[in-house]
Amino acid sequence: MASQTQRPAAAALPPEGERRRDFLYIATGAFAAVGGAAVVWPMINQMNPSADVLALASIDVDLAAVQPGQAIKVSWRGKPVFARRLTPAEIDAANKVDVSTLRDPQTLAERTKPGKQEWLITLGVCTHLGCVPLGAGTGENRGDYGGYFCPCHGSQYDTAARIRSGPAPTNLVVPDYTFRSDTAVTIG
């Protein structure tokens, strides 16, 4: 009885035609996958940022010439950036503000890098409607709080670039930046 249930060894292997057909199916599928990838890749690759955009992704700024109380304007990603060197009096004034009374509560320490509290780097774009505030240039109106004044609708920022009055809903934005040395910073 055991001999009736066993199959002959030749019956265990598929016929030659089935092996060839399986190979053709696999080869055809692989060829189609490679061809599909070759067609799709240019469409995906065209969505990557262009070289000129990547070049603007970060900028290096030398702050060595900026004296206490002065600020410079640089352009990053098509937007103005203010880099201000605060005086000890401006730092004290910013630290004395009761943060709980602010519309967008942030301390000066939260807006600057540890050990670099004298350097305040912000986007020079008012958070109300995108105007460029005054206060970074010599002799420009700094408003009632000694920081920045937006001439479009009257928003006023303090020395830590925090909104103090006017229609702007939030503080001036602090971009990502890293100090490479005491006076060299990379923005972006």
N, C-alpha and C. Protein backbone atom coordinates (compact mmCIF):
# COMPACT_ATOMS: atom_id res chain seq x y z
N MET A 1 0.80 -1.18 0.00
CA MET A 1 0.00 0.00 0.00
C MET A 1 0.85 1.27 0.00
N ALA A 2 1.97 1.20 0.62
CA ALA A 2 2.85 2.36 0.64
C ALA A 2 3.35 2.68 -0.74
N SER A 3 3.48 1.69 -1.59
CA SER A 3 3.97 1.95 -2.93
C SER A 3 2.92 2.64 -3.80
N GLN A 4 1.64 2.49 -3.46
CA GLN A 4 0.60 3.16 -4.25
C GLN A 4 0.52 4.66 -3.96
N THR A 5 0.88 5.13 -2.75
CA THR A 5 0.78 6.55 -2.41
C THR A 5 2.01 7.36 -2.80
N GLN A 6 3.07 6.70 -3.09
CA GLN A 6 4.28 7.44 -3.47
C GLN A 6 4.21 7.76 -4.96
N ARG A 7 4.68 8.93 -5.30
CA ARG A 7 4.75 9.34 -6.69
C ARG A 7 6.11 8.98 -7.26
N PRO A 8 6.15 8.80 -8.50
CA PRO A 8 7.45 8.58 -9.12
C PRO A 8 8.27 9.88 -9.07
N ALA A 9 9.56 9.81 -9.04
CA ALA A 9 10.46 10.96 -8.94
C ALA A 9 10.28 11.90 -10.12
N ALA A 10 10.01 11.46 -11.27
CA ALA A 10 9.85 12.29 -12.46
C ALA A 10 8.62 13.18 -12.36
N ALA A 11 7.59 12.74 -11.65
CA ALA A 11 6.36 13.53 -11.53
C ALA A 11 6.54 14.71 -10.60
N ALA A 12 7.55 14.73 -9.69
CA ALA A 12 7.77 15.83 -8.75
C ALA A 12 8.29 17.08 -9.46
N LEU A 13 8.98 16.97 -10.57
CA LEU A 13 9.50 18.12 -11.28
C LEU A 13 8.44 18.63 -12.26
N PRO A 14 8.31 19.96 -12.38
CA PRO A 14 7.36 20.49 -13.36
C PRO A 14 7.86 20.22 -14.76
N PRO A 15 6.96 20.14 -15.69
CA PRO A 15 7.37 19.93 -17.08
C PRO A 15 8.24 21.09 -17.56
N GLU A 16 9.04 20.85 -18.56
CA GLU A 16 9.98 21.83 -19.10
C GLU A 16 9.26 23.12 -19.51
N GLY A 17 8.07 23.06 -20.05
CA GLY A 17 7.32 24.23 -20.49
C GLY A 17 6.93 25.15 -19.34
N GLU A 18 6.61 24.58 -18.17
CA GLU A 18 6.23 25.41 -17.03
C GLU A 18 7.42 26.18 -16.49
N ARG A 19 8.58 25.58 -16.44
CA ARG A 19 9.77 26.28 -15.95
C ARG A 19 10.12 27.43 -16.90
N ARG A 20 10.03 27.21 -18.17
CA ARG A 20 10.33 28.26 -19.15
C ARG A 20 9.30 29.39 -19.03
N ARG A 21 8.03 29.07 -18.85
CA ARG A 21 6.98 30.07 -18.74
C ARG A 21 7.18 30.90 -17.46
N ASP A 22 7.53 30.26 -16.34
CA ASP A 22 7.80 31.00 -15.10
C ASP A 22 8.96 31.98 -15.28
N PHE A 23 9.99 31.52 -15.96
CA PHE A 23 11.13 32.40 -16.22
C PHE A 23 10.70 33.60 -17.07
N LEU A 24 9.89 33.36 -18.08
CA LEU A 24 9.43 34.46 -18.93
C LEU A 24 8.58 35.46 -18.16
N TYR A 25 7.72 34.96 -17.25
CA TYR A 25 6.91 35.85 -16.43
C TYR A 25 7.80 36.71 -15.53
N ILE A 26 8.77 36.11 -14.89
CA ILE A 26 9.67 36.85 -13.99
C ILE A 26 10.51 37.84 -14.77
N ALA A 27 11.05 37.42 -15.91
CA ALA A 27 11.87 38.31 -16.72
C ALA A 27 11.05 39.49 -17.24
N THR A 28 9.83 39.22 -17.68
CA THR A 28 8.96 40.28 -18.18
C THR A 28 8.61 41.26 -17.07
N GLY A 29 8.29 40.75 -15.87
CA GLY A 29 7.98 41.62 -14.73
C GLY A 29 9.17 42.48 -14.33
N ALA A 30 10.36 41.88 -14.30
CA ALA A 30 11.56 42.64 -13.95
C ALA A 30 11.85 43.72 -14.99
N PHE A 31 11.71 43.38 -16.26
CA PHE A 31 11.94 44.35 -17.33
C PHE A 31 10.94 45.50 -17.23
N ALA A 32 9.68 45.19 -16.92
CA ALA A 32 8.66 46.22 -16.79
C ALA A 32 8.94 47.12 -15.58
N ALA A 33 9.42 46.54 -14.48
CA ALA A 33 9.73 47.33 -13.29
C ALA A 33 10.89 48.29 -13.57
N VAL A 34 11.94 47.82 -14.23
CA VAL A 34 13.08 48.68 -14.57
C VAL A 34 12.64 49.77 -15.54
N GLY A 35 11.84 49.42 -16.52
CA GLY A 35 11.34 50.41 -17.48
C GLY A 35 10.46 51.44 -16.80
N GLY A 36 9.59 51.00 -15.89
CA GLY A 36 8.73 51.93 -15.16
C GLY A 36 9.53 52.89 -14.31
N ALA A 37 10.57 52.36 -13.64
CA ALA A 37 11.42 53.23 -12.83
C ALA A 37 12.15 54.24 -13.71
N ALA A 38 12.59 53.82 -14.88
CA ALA A 38 13.29 54.73 -15.79
C ALA A 38 12.37 55.84 -16.28
N VAL A 39 11.09 55.59 -16.38
CA VAL A 39 10.13 56.60 -16.82
C VAL A 39 9.74 57.52 -15.66
N VAL A 40 9.56 56.96 -14.47
CA VAL A 40 9.08 57.73 -13.32
C VAL A 40 10.18 58.59 -12.71
N TRP A 41 11.43 58.13 -12.70
CA TRP A 41 12.51 58.86 -12.03
C TRP A 41 12.66 60.31 -12.52
N PRO A 42 12.66 60.61 -13.79
CA PRO A 42 12.77 62.03 -14.20
C PRO A 42 11.63 62.90 -13.67
N MET A 43 10.44 62.35 -13.57
CA MET A 43 9.32 63.12 -13.03
C MET A 43 9.52 63.41 -11.56
N ILE A 44 10.02 62.46 -10.81
CA ILE A 44 10.27 62.68 -9.39
C ILE A 44 11.45 63.62 -9.20
N ASN A 45 12.50 63.43 -9.98
CA ASN A 45 13.70 64.23 -9.84
C ASN A 45 13.45 65.71 -10.17
N GLN A 46 12.54 66.02 -11.05
CA GLN A 46 12.27 67.41 -11.39
C GLN A 46 11.63 68.17 -10.24
N MET A 47 11.13 67.46 -9.23
CA MET A 47 10.54 68.12 -8.06
C MET A 47 11.58 68.55 -7.03
N ASN A 48 12.83 68.11 -7.18
CA ASN A 48 13.89 68.53 -6.26
C ASN A 48 14.19 70.01 -6.46
N PRO A 49 14.65 70.70 -5.40
CA PRO A 49 14.96 72.12 -5.56
C PRO A 49 16.13 72.33 -6.51
N SER A 50 16.09 73.44 -7.23
CA SER A 50 17.16 73.74 -8.19
C SER A 50 18.42 74.17 -7.46
N ALA A 51 19.52 74.23 -8.16
CA ALA A 51 20.81 74.56 -7.56
C ALA A 51 20.82 75.96 -6.97
N ASP A 52 20.14 76.91 -7.62
CA ASP A 52 20.14 78.27 -7.07
C ASP A 52 19.35 78.34 -5.76
N VAL A 53 18.32 77.54 -5.61
CA VAL A 53 17.57 77.50 -4.36
C VAL A 53 18.41 76.84 -3.27
N LEU A 54 19.08 75.75 -3.60
CA LEU A 54 19.94 75.09 -2.63
C LEU A 54 21.07 76.00 -2.17
N ALA A 55 21.57 76.83 -3.05
CA ALA A 55 22.64 77.75 -2.69
C ALA A 55 22.17 78.77 -1.66
N LEU A 56 20.91 79.11 -1.68
CA LEU A 56 20.36 80.07 -0.72
C LEU A 56 19.88 79.41 0.57
N ALA A 57 20.02 78.11 0.68
CA ALA A 57 19.51 77.41 1.85
C ALA A 57 20.17 77.88 3.12
N SER A 58 21.42 78.27 3.06
CA SER A 58 22.10 78.82 4.22
C SER A 58 23.09 79.88 3.77
N ILE A 59 23.35 80.83 4.66
CA ILE A 59 24.34 81.86 4.38
C ILE A 59 25.25 82.01 5.59
N ASP A 60 26.48 82.42 5.33
CA ASP A 60 27.43 82.72 6.39
C ASP A 60 27.50 84.22 6.55
N VAL A 61 27.44 84.68 7.80
CA VAL A 61 27.47 86.10 8.08
C VAL A 61 28.59 86.38 9.08
N ASP A 62 29.41 87.39 8.76
CA ASP A 62 30.47 87.81 9.67
C ASP A 62 29.95 89.01 10.47
N LEU A 63 29.89 88.84 11.79
CA LEU A 63 29.34 89.88 12.65
C LEU A 63 30.42 90.71 13.34
N ALA A 64 31.68 90.52 12.96
CA ALA A 64 32.79 91.17 13.65
C ALA A 64 32.70 92.69 13.65
N ALA A 65 32.19 93.29 12.59
CA ALA A 65 32.14 94.75 12.49
C ALA A 65 30.95 95.37 13.22
N VAL A 66 30.01 94.56 13.70
CA VAL A 66 28.81 95.09 14.35
C VAL A 66 29.14 95.46 15.79
N GLN A 67 28.95 96.74 16.11
CA GLN A 67 29.23 97.25 17.45
C GLN A 67 27.98 97.11 18.33
N PRO A 68 28.13 97.10 19.66
CA PRO A 68 26.96 97.05 20.54
C PRO A 68 25.99 98.18 20.22
N GLY A 69 24.72 97.83 20.10
CA GLY A 69 23.68 98.79 19.76
C GLY A 69 23.42 98.90 18.27
N GLN A 70 24.24 98.27 17.44
CA GLN A 70 24.07 98.32 15.99
C GLN A 70 23.43 97.02 15.49
N ALA A 71 22.95 97.09 14.27
CA ALA A 71 22.36 95.92 13.61
C ALA A 71 22.75 95.96 12.14
N ILE A 72 22.74 94.80 11.53
CA ILE A 72 22.95 94.72 10.08
C ILE A 72 21.78 93.98 9.46
N LYS A 73 21.58 94.24 8.18
CA LYS A 73 20.55 93.54 7.42
C LYS A 73 21.25 92.69 6.38
N VAL A 74 20.85 91.44 6.29
CA VAL A 74 21.32 90.56 5.22
C VAL A 74 20.10 89.92 4.58
N SER A 75 20.28 89.35 3.42
CA SER A 75 19.18 88.69 2.73
C SER A 75 19.40 87.19 2.76
N TRP A 76 18.37 86.46 3.16
CA TRP A 76 18.42 85.00 3.22
C TRP A 76 17.09 84.47 2.68
N ARG A 77 17.17 83.63 1.65
CA ARG A 77 15.98 83.08 0.99
C ARG A 77 15.03 84.18 0.51
N GLY A 78 15.60 85.28 0.10
CA GLY A 78 14.81 86.38 -0.41
C GLY A 78 14.14 87.23 0.66
N LYS A 79 14.47 87.01 1.92
CA LYS A 79 13.88 87.77 3.02
C LYS A 79 14.98 88.50 3.78
N PRO A 80 14.64 89.67 4.34
CA PRO A 80 15.65 90.36 5.15
C PRO A 80 15.82 89.67 6.51
N VAL A 81 17.05 89.65 6.98
CA VAL A 81 17.36 89.14 8.31
C VAL A 81 18.09 90.24 9.06
N PHE A 82 17.65 90.49 10.30
CA PHE A 82 18.31 91.48 11.15
C PHE A 82 19.21 90.74 12.13
N ALA A 83 20.47 91.16 12.20
CA ALA A 83 21.40 90.64 13.20
C ALA A 83 21.80 91.83 14.07
N ARG A 84 21.35 91.83 15.31
CA ARG A 84 21.55 92.97 16.20
C ARG A 84 22.42 92.56 17.37
N ARG A 85 23.39 93.43 17.67
CA ARG A 85 24.24 93.23 18.85
C ARG A 85 23.68 94.11 19.96
N LEU A 86 23.09 93.48 20.93
CA LEU A 86 22.44 94.21 22.01
C LEU A 86 23.47 94.77 22.99
N THR A 87 23.15 95.95 23.52
CA THR A 87 23.98 96.54 24.57
C THR A 87 23.58 95.91 25.91
N PRO A 88 24.43 96.03 26.92
CA PRO A 88 24.03 95.52 28.24
C PRO A 88 22.72 96.15 28.74
N ALA A 89 22.50 97.43 28.44
CA ALA A 89 21.26 98.10 28.85
C ALA A 89 20.05 97.49 28.12
N GLU A 90 20.20 97.17 26.82
CA GLU A 90 19.10 96.55 26.07
C GLU A 90 18.81 95.13 26.59
N ILE A 91 19.85 94.41 26.95
CA ILE A 91 19.67 93.07 27.52
C ILE A 91 18.93 93.16 28.85
N ASP A 92 19.34 94.12 29.71
CA ASP A 92 18.66 94.31 30.99
C ASP A 92 17.20 94.69 30.79
N ALA A 93 16.94 95.59 29.86
CA ALA A 93 15.56 96.02 29.59
C ALA A 93 14.71 94.83 29.13
N ALA A 94 15.27 94.00 28.26
CA ALA A 94 14.53 92.84 27.77
C ALA A 94 14.28 91.82 28.87
N ASN A 95 15.25 91.64 29.76
CA ASN A 95 15.10 90.66 30.84
C ASN A 95 14.18 91.13 31.95
N LYS A 96 13.97 92.45 32.07
CA LYS A 96 13.10 92.99 33.12
C LYS A 96 11.62 92.90 32.76
N VAL A 97 11.30 92.64 31.52
CA VAL A 97 9.90 92.58 31.08
C VAL A 97 9.24 91.34 31.68
N ASP A 98 8.04 91.54 32.27
CA ASP A 98 7.25 90.42 32.77
C ASP A 98 6.69 89.66 31.56
N VAL A 99 7.23 88.48 31.29
CA VAL A 99 6.88 87.72 30.09
C VAL A 99 5.40 87.37 30.05
N SER A 100 4.78 87.23 31.20
CA SER A 100 3.36 86.86 31.22
C SER A 100 2.47 87.97 30.67
N THR A 101 2.98 89.19 30.57
CA THR A 101 2.18 90.29 30.03
C THR A 101 2.29 90.41 28.51
N LEU A 102 3.14 89.61 27.91
CA LEU A 102 3.37 89.70 26.47
C LEU A 102 2.34 88.90 25.68
N ARG A 103 2.02 89.38 24.50
CA ARG A 103 1.09 88.70 23.59
C ARG A 103 1.66 87.35 23.14
N ASP A 104 2.95 87.32 22.88
CA ASP A 104 3.66 86.10 22.47
C ASP A 104 4.81 85.92 23.46
N PRO A 105 4.54 85.28 24.60
CA PRO A 105 5.53 85.25 25.69
C PRO A 105 6.77 84.43 25.38
N GLN A 106 7.90 85.12 25.31
CA GLN A 106 9.21 84.49 25.15
C GLN A 106 10.23 85.34 25.88
N THR A 107 11.17 84.69 26.55
CA THR A 107 12.25 85.42 27.18
C THR A 107 13.34 85.70 26.14
N LEU A 108 14.25 86.60 26.49
CA LEU A 108 15.37 86.88 25.60
C LEU A 108 16.22 85.63 25.44
N ALA A 109 16.38 84.87 26.51
CA ALA A 109 17.18 83.64 26.46
C ALA A 109 16.58 82.63 25.49
N GLU A 110 15.27 82.59 25.34
CA GLU A 110 14.62 81.69 24.40
C GLU A 110 14.80 82.14 22.95
N ARG A 111 15.13 83.40 22.76
CA ARG A 111 15.25 83.96 21.41
C ARG A 111 16.71 84.09 20.96
N THR A 112 17.65 83.77 21.85
CA THR A 112 19.07 83.84 21.52
C THR A 112 19.72 82.51 21.86
N LYS A 113 20.98 82.35 21.45
CA LYS A 113 21.72 81.12 21.74
C LYS A 113 22.38 81.23 23.11
N PRO A 114 22.52 80.12 23.82
CA PRO A 114 23.19 80.14 25.12
C PRO A 114 24.61 80.69 25.00
N GLY A 115 24.94 81.61 25.90
CA GLY A 115 26.26 82.23 25.88
C GLY A 115 26.41 83.33 24.84
N LYS A 116 25.40 83.55 24.02
CA LYS A 116 25.45 84.57 22.95
C LYS A 116 24.24 85.50 23.06
N GLN A 117 23.88 85.86 24.29
CA GLN A 117 22.67 86.64 24.52
C GLN A 117 22.77 88.05 23.91
N GLU A 118 23.97 88.51 23.61
CA GLU A 118 24.11 89.84 23.02
C GLU A 118 23.73 89.85 21.54
N TRP A 119 23.62 88.68 20.91
CA TRP A 119 23.30 88.60 19.48
C TRP A 119 21.86 88.14 19.29
N LEU A 120 21.06 89.01 18.71
CA LEU A 120 19.67 88.69 18.40
C LEU A 120 19.53 88.65 16.88
N ILE A 121 19.17 87.49 16.36
CA ILE A 121 19.03 87.30 14.91
C ILE A 121 17.58 86.94 14.63
N THR A 122 16.91 87.78 13.82
CA THR A 122 15.50 87.57 13.49
C THR A 122 15.25 87.83 12.02
N LEU A 123 14.16 87.28 11.52
CA LEU A 123 13.71 87.65 10.18
C LEU A 123 13.19 89.08 10.26
N GLY A 124 13.52 89.89 9.29
CA GLY A 124 13.07 91.27 9.25
C GLY A 124 11.74 91.41 8.54
N VAL A 125 10.77 90.61 8.96
CA VAL A 125 9.46 90.61 8.32
C VAL A 125 8.41 90.70 9.43
N CYS A 126 7.61 91.76 9.40
CA CYS A 126 6.55 91.93 10.40
C CYS A 126 5.56 90.77 10.30
N THR A 127 5.16 90.26 11.43
CA THR A 127 4.27 89.11 11.45
C THR A 127 2.81 89.49 11.21
N HIS A 128 2.55 90.76 10.97
CA HIS A 128 1.17 91.17 10.66
C HIS A 128 0.87 90.94 9.18
N LEU A 129 1.52 91.72 8.31
CA LEU A 129 1.27 91.57 6.88
C LEU A 129 2.55 91.50 6.04
N GLY A 130 3.69 91.29 6.69
CA GLY A 130 4.91 91.06 5.95
C GLY A 130 5.72 92.27 5.56
N CYS A 131 5.45 93.43 6.14
CA CYS A 131 6.27 94.61 5.86
C CYS A 131 7.64 94.44 6.53
N VAL A 132 8.59 95.26 6.12
CA VAL A 132 9.93 95.23 6.73
C VAL A 132 9.98 96.32 7.80
N PRO A 133 10.13 95.95 9.06
CA PRO A 133 10.18 96.95 10.13
C PRO A 133 11.43 97.81 10.06
N LEU A 134 11.35 99.00 10.65
CA LEU A 134 12.49 99.89 10.79
C LEU A 134 13.18 99.59 12.12
N GLY A 135 14.43 100.00 12.22
CA GLY A 135 15.14 99.86 13.49
C GLY A 135 16.49 99.19 13.35
N ALA A 136 16.75 98.57 12.21
CA ALA A 136 18.04 97.93 12.01
C ALA A 136 19.08 98.92 11.49
N GLY A 137 18.65 99.93 10.79
CA GLY A 137 19.57 100.91 10.24
C GLY A 137 19.82 102.07 11.20
N THR A 138 20.93 102.72 11.03
CA THR A 138 21.29 103.86 11.87
C THR A 138 20.28 104.99 11.68
N GLY A 139 19.75 105.50 12.78
CA GLY A 139 18.81 106.61 12.74
C GLY A 139 17.38 106.24 12.43
N GLU A 140 17.09 104.97 12.21
CA GLU A 140 15.70 104.55 11.92
C GLU A 140 14.87 104.54 13.19
N ASN A 141 13.58 104.75 13.01
CA ASN A 141 12.63 104.74 14.12
C ASN A 141 12.59 103.34 14.75
N ARG A 142 12.87 103.26 16.04
CA ARG A 142 12.84 101.98 16.75
C ARG A 142 11.57 101.82 17.59
N GLY A 143 10.68 102.77 17.53
CA GLY A 143 9.43 102.68 18.27
C GLY A 143 9.61 103.00 19.74
N ASP A 144 8.53 102.85 20.49
CA ASP A 144 8.52 103.20 21.92
C ASP A 144 9.30 102.22 22.79
N TYR A 145 9.61 101.05 22.26
CA TYR A 145 10.25 100.01 23.08
C TYR A 145 11.71 99.77 22.69
N GLY A 146 12.25 100.58 21.78
CA GLY A 146 13.66 100.53 21.43
C GLY A 146 14.09 99.39 20.55
N GLY A 147 13.13 98.68 19.96
CA GLY A 147 13.48 97.55 19.11
C GLY A 147 13.25 97.85 17.64
N TYR A 148 12.07 97.49 17.16
CA TYR A 148 11.73 97.68 15.75
C TYR A 148 10.33 98.30 15.66
N PHE A 149 10.12 99.06 14.60
CA PHE A 149 8.84 99.70 14.36
C PHE A 149 8.41 99.40 12.94
N CYS A 150 7.21 98.87 12.77
CA CYS A 150 6.69 98.58 11.44
C CYS A 150 5.92 99.81 10.94
N PRO A 151 6.39 100.45 9.87
CA PRO A 151 5.74 101.66 9.39
C PRO A 151 4.41 101.42 8.71
N CYS A 152 4.11 100.19 8.33
CA CYS A 152 2.87 99.92 7.60
C CYS A 152 1.64 100.07 8.49
N HIS A 153 1.64 99.44 9.66
CA HIS A 153 0.46 99.47 10.51
C HIS A 153 0.77 99.75 11.97
N GLY A 154 2.02 100.13 12.27
CA GLY A 154 2.36 100.60 13.61
C GLY A 154 2.73 99.54 14.64
N SER A 155 3.02 98.33 14.23
CA SER A 155 3.46 97.33 15.22
C SER A 155 4.81 97.74 15.78
N GLN A 156 4.95 97.55 17.10
CA GLN A 156 6.19 97.91 17.77
C GLN A 156 6.75 96.71 18.51
N TYR A 157 8.05 96.51 18.36
CA TYR A 157 8.75 95.38 18.97
C TYR A 157 9.79 95.92 19.94
N ASP A 158 10.06 95.18 21.00
CA ASP A 158 11.07 95.62 21.96
C ASP A 158 12.47 95.18 21.54
N THR A 159 13.45 95.35 22.43
CA THR A 159 14.83 95.05 22.08
C THR A 159 15.07 93.56 21.84
N ALA A 160 14.16 92.70 22.28
CA ALA A 160 14.25 91.27 22.01
C ALA A 160 13.39 90.88 20.81
N ALA A 161 12.91 91.88 20.05
CA ALA A 161 12.06 91.69 18.87
C ALA A 161 10.76 90.98 19.20
N ARG A 162 10.24 91.26 20.40
CA ARG A 162 8.95 90.72 20.83
C ARG A 162 7.87 91.77 20.58
N ILE A 163 6.71 91.35 20.13
CA ILE A 163 5.62 92.28 19.85
C ILE A 163 5.13 92.90 21.15
N ARG A 164 5.04 94.25 21.15
CA ARG A 164 4.59 94.94 22.36
C ARG A 164 3.31 95.72 22.11
N SER A 165 3.13 96.23 20.87
CA SER A 165 1.89 96.93 20.55
C SER A 165 1.68 96.88 19.04
N GLY A 166 0.44 97.12 18.65
CA GLY A 166 0.10 97.09 17.23
C GLY A 166 -0.56 95.78 16.85
N PRO A 167 -0.88 95.63 15.57
CA PRO A 167 -1.67 94.48 15.13
C PRO A 167 -0.89 93.17 14.92
N ALA A 168 0.42 93.19 14.96
CA ALA A 168 1.18 91.96 14.71
C ALA A 168 0.84 90.92 15.78
N PRO A 169 0.54 89.68 15.37
CA PRO A 169 0.12 88.66 16.33
C PRO A 169 1.26 88.00 17.11
N THR A 170 2.45 87.94 16.50
CA THR A 170 3.55 87.23 17.14
C THR A 170 4.86 88.02 17.04
N ASN A 171 5.86 87.56 17.77
CA ASN A 171 7.19 88.16 17.74
C ASN A 171 7.81 87.98 16.37
N LEU A 172 8.87 88.76 16.08
CA LEU A 172 9.62 88.53 14.86
C LEU A 172 10.22 87.12 14.95
N VAL A 173 10.21 86.43 13.84
CA VAL A 173 10.63 85.03 13.80
C VAL A 173 12.15 84.92 13.92
N VAL A 174 12.60 83.98 14.76
CA VAL A 174 14.02 83.69 14.88
C VAL A 174 14.31 82.49 13.98
N PRO A 175 15.15 82.67 12.94
CA PRO A 175 15.45 81.55 12.04
C PRO A 175 16.44 80.59 12.70
N ASP A 176 16.61 79.43 12.10
CA ASP A 176 17.64 78.50 12.56
C ASP A 176 19.00 79.09 12.23
N TYR A 177 19.88 79.12 13.21
CA TYR A 177 21.23 79.61 12.95
C TYR A 177 22.19 78.95 13.94
N THR A 178 23.47 78.97 13.56
CA THR A 178 24.51 78.34 14.37
C THR A 178 25.74 79.24 14.36
N PHE A 179 26.33 79.44 15.53
CA PHE A 179 27.58 80.19 15.60
C PHE A 179 28.73 79.25 15.28
N ARG A 180 29.57 79.64 14.32
CA ARG A 180 30.77 78.88 13.98
C ARG A 180 31.96 79.37 14.78
N SER A 181 31.90 80.62 15.20
CA SER A 181 32.91 81.22 16.07
C SER A 181 32.20 82.33 16.84
N ASP A 182 32.96 83.18 17.55
CA ASP A 182 32.34 84.24 18.32
C ASP A 182 31.58 85.24 17.46
N THR A 183 32.03 85.46 16.23
CA THR A 183 31.38 86.46 15.38
C THR A 183 31.00 85.94 14.00
N ALA A 184 31.09 84.65 13.79
CA ALA A 184 30.71 84.06 12.50
C ALA A 184 29.50 83.16 12.73
N VAL A 185 28.45 83.42 11.96
CA VAL A 185 27.21 82.68 12.14
C VAL A 185 26.74 82.16 10.78
N THR A 186 26.15 80.96 10.80
CA THR A 186 25.53 80.39 9.62
C THR A 186 24.03 80.38 9.84
N ILE A 187 23.31 81.05 8.96
CA ILE A 187 21.85 81.12 9.05
C ILE A 187 21.28 80.12 8.07
N GLY A 188 20.38 79.30 8.56
CA GLY A 188 19.76 78.29 7.73
C GLY A 188 20.25 76.91 7.96
